[in-house]
Amino acid sequence: GPWKTREAVELATLQWVHWFNHVRLLTPIGGIPPAEAEANYWRQLADSNTLAEVST
């Protein structure tokens, strides 16, 4: 294979995981990376919880 050491495999894996979560764009979720979609989800959830606290 192209990797000569365990560290090289580890680095290649970390690079792929970064690409998979932060770079690749997913059309079904609006053409944004999965990490951005998750951040949007948590932000929206926090905002809705804040609104619920204010209205009670």
N, C-alpha and C. Protein backbone atom coordinates (compact mmCIF):
# COMPACT_ATOMS: atom_id res chain seq x y z
N GLY A 1 0.81 -1.19 0.00
CA GLY A 1 0.00 0.00 0.00
C GLY A 1 0.86 1.26 0.00
N PRO A 2 0.22 2.38 -0.13
CA PRO A 2 0.95 3.65 -0.18
C PRO A 2 1.47 4.11 1.18
N TRP A 3 0.98 3.51 2.27
CA TRP A 3 1.40 3.95 3.60
C TRP A 3 2.51 3.06 4.12
N LYS A 4 3.54 3.70 4.64
CA LYS A 4 4.71 2.95 5.11
C LYS A 4 4.70 2.76 6.62
N THR A 5 3.99 3.63 7.34
CA THR A 5 3.99 3.55 8.80
C THR A 5 2.56 3.67 9.33
N ARG A 6 2.41 3.30 10.58
CA ARG A 6 1.12 3.43 11.23
C ARG A 6 0.70 4.90 11.30
N GLU A 7 1.68 5.78 11.53
CA GLU A 7 1.39 7.21 11.60
C GLU A 7 0.86 7.73 10.26
N ALA A 8 1.39 7.21 9.16
CA ALA A 8 0.92 7.63 7.83
C ALA A 8 -0.54 7.21 7.62
N VAL A 9 -0.88 6.02 8.08
CA VAL A 9 -2.26 5.54 7.98
C VAL A 9 -3.16 6.41 8.85
N GLU A 10 -2.69 6.72 10.05
CA GLU A 10 -3.46 7.55 10.96
C GLU A 10 -3.71 8.94 10.37
N LEU A 11 -2.69 9.54 9.79
CA LEU A 11 -2.83 10.86 9.18
C LEU A 11 -3.80 10.81 8.00
N ALA A 12 -3.68 9.81 7.15
CA ALA A 12 -4.58 9.68 6.00
C ALA A 12 -6.02 9.51 6.47
N THR A 13 -6.22 8.75 7.54
CA THR A 13 -7.56 8.56 8.08
C THR A 13 -8.13 9.86 8.62
N LEU A 14 -7.33 10.60 9.36
CA LEU A 14 -7.78 11.89 9.90
C LEU A 14 -8.11 12.87 8.78
N GLN A 15 -7.32 12.88 7.73
CA GLN A 15 -7.60 13.77 6.60
C GLN A 15 -8.91 13.39 5.93
N TRP A 16 -9.15 12.09 5.77
CA TRP A 16 -10.39 11.64 5.14
C TRP A 16 -11.59 12.00 6.00
N VAL A 17 -11.50 11.79 7.31
CA VAL A 17 -12.61 12.12 8.21
C VAL A 17 -12.90 13.61 8.17
N HIS A 18 -11.85 14.44 8.14
CA HIS A 18 -12.06 15.89 8.03
C HIS A 18 -12.79 16.22 6.73
N TRP A 19 -12.34 15.65 5.64
CA TRP A 19 -13.00 15.90 4.35
C TRP A 19 -14.46 15.46 4.41
N PHE A 20 -14.71 14.27 4.94
CA PHE A 20 -16.05 13.69 4.98
C PHE A 20 -17.01 14.55 5.78
N ASN A 21 -16.54 15.15 6.87
CA ASN A 21 -17.43 15.91 7.75
C ASN A 21 -17.46 17.41 7.49
N HIS A 22 -16.36 17.97 6.95
CA HIS A 22 -16.25 19.42 6.86
C HIS A 22 -16.15 19.98 5.45
N VAL A 23 -15.89 19.14 4.46
CA VAL A 23 -15.66 19.64 3.10
C VAL A 23 -16.73 19.16 2.13
N ARG A 24 -17.04 17.87 2.17
CA ARG A 24 -17.98 17.32 1.18
C ARG A 24 -19.34 17.95 1.35
N LEU A 25 -19.99 18.23 0.25
CA LEU A 25 -21.30 18.87 0.26
C LEU A 25 -22.38 17.83 0.01
N LEU A 26 -23.42 17.87 0.81
CA LEU A 26 -24.52 16.92 0.67
C LEU A 26 -25.75 17.63 0.11
N THR A 27 -26.16 17.24 -1.07
CA THR A 27 -27.32 17.84 -1.71
C THR A 27 -28.60 17.65 -0.89
N PRO A 28 -28.86 16.48 -0.30
CA PRO A 28 -30.12 16.30 0.43
C PRO A 28 -30.29 17.24 1.63
N ILE A 29 -29.19 17.80 2.13
CA ILE A 29 -29.30 18.70 3.28
C ILE A 29 -28.96 20.14 2.90
N GLY A 30 -29.15 20.48 1.64
CA GLY A 30 -28.97 21.86 1.21
C GLY A 30 -27.62 22.20 0.63
N GLY A 31 -26.84 21.20 0.27
CA GLY A 31 -25.53 21.46 -0.33
C GLY A 31 -24.51 22.01 0.65
N ILE A 32 -24.64 21.61 1.92
CA ILE A 32 -23.69 22.04 2.94
C ILE A 32 -22.99 20.82 3.53
N PRO A 33 -21.84 21.02 4.17
CA PRO A 33 -21.15 19.89 4.81
C PRO A 33 -21.94 19.38 6.02
N PRO A 34 -21.78 18.10 6.35
CA PRO A 34 -22.49 17.54 7.50
C PRO A 34 -22.20 18.29 8.81
N ALA A 35 -20.97 18.71 9.02
CA ALA A 35 -20.64 19.42 10.26
C ALA A 35 -21.41 20.74 10.36
N GLU A 36 -21.59 21.41 9.24
CA GLU A 36 -22.37 22.66 9.24
C GLU A 36 -23.84 22.38 9.53
N ALA A 37 -24.36 21.30 8.96
CA ALA A 37 -25.75 20.92 9.22
C ALA A 37 -25.95 20.61 10.70
N GLU A 38 -25.00 19.93 11.30
CA GLU A 38 -25.11 19.61 12.73
C GLU A 38 -25.05 20.89 13.57
N ALA A 39 -24.14 21.79 13.23
CA ALA A 39 -24.04 23.06 13.96
C ALA A 39 -25.35 23.85 13.84
N ASN A 40 -25.93 23.86 12.65
CA ASN A 40 -27.22 24.54 12.45
C ASN A 40 -28.31 23.91 13.31
N TYR A 41 -28.32 22.60 13.38
CA TYR A 41 -29.32 21.88 14.19
C TYR A 41 -29.22 22.30 15.66
N TRP A 42 -28.00 22.24 16.21
CA TRP A 42 -27.83 22.57 17.62
C TRP A 42 -28.14 24.04 17.89
N ARG A 43 -27.77 24.93 16.95
CA ARG A 43 -28.08 26.35 17.11
C ARG A 43 -29.59 26.57 17.13
N GLN A 44 -30.30 25.92 16.21
CA GLN A 44 -31.75 26.05 16.14
C GLN A 44 -32.41 25.49 17.41
N LEU A 45 -31.90 24.38 17.89
CA LEU A 45 -32.43 23.79 19.12
C LEU A 45 -32.22 24.72 20.31
N ALA A 46 -31.04 25.30 20.41
CA ALA A 46 -30.76 26.24 21.50
C ALA A 46 -31.65 27.47 21.40
N ASP A 47 -31.85 27.97 20.18
CA ASP A 47 -32.72 29.13 19.98
C ASP A 47 -34.16 28.82 20.39
N SER A 48 -34.65 27.63 20.02
CA SER A 48 -36.03 27.28 20.37
C SER A 48 -36.17 27.08 21.87
N ASN A 49 -35.14 26.56 22.53
CA ASN A 49 -35.18 26.41 23.99
C ASN A 49 -35.19 27.78 24.66
N THR A 50 -34.44 28.72 24.13
CA THR A 50 -34.42 30.07 24.67
C THR A 50 -35.79 30.71 24.53
N LEU A 51 -36.42 30.54 23.37
CA LEU A 51 -37.77 31.08 23.17
C LEU A 51 -38.77 30.45 24.12
N ALA A 52 -38.65 29.15 24.35
CA ALA A 52 -39.57 28.46 25.25
C ALA A 52 -39.41 28.99 26.68
N GLU A 53 -38.19 29.27 27.10
CA GLU A 53 -37.95 29.79 28.45
C GLU A 53 -38.52 31.20 28.59
N VAL A 54 -38.39 32.02 27.56
CA VAL A 54 -38.88 33.39 27.61
C VAL A 54 -40.39 33.44 27.66
N SER A 55 -41.05 32.53 26.95
CA SER A 55 -42.51 32.58 26.86
C SER A 55 -43.21 31.89 28.03
N THR A 56 -42.47 31.23 28.91
CA THR A 56 -43.13 30.57 30.05
C THR A 56 -43.00 31.38 31.31
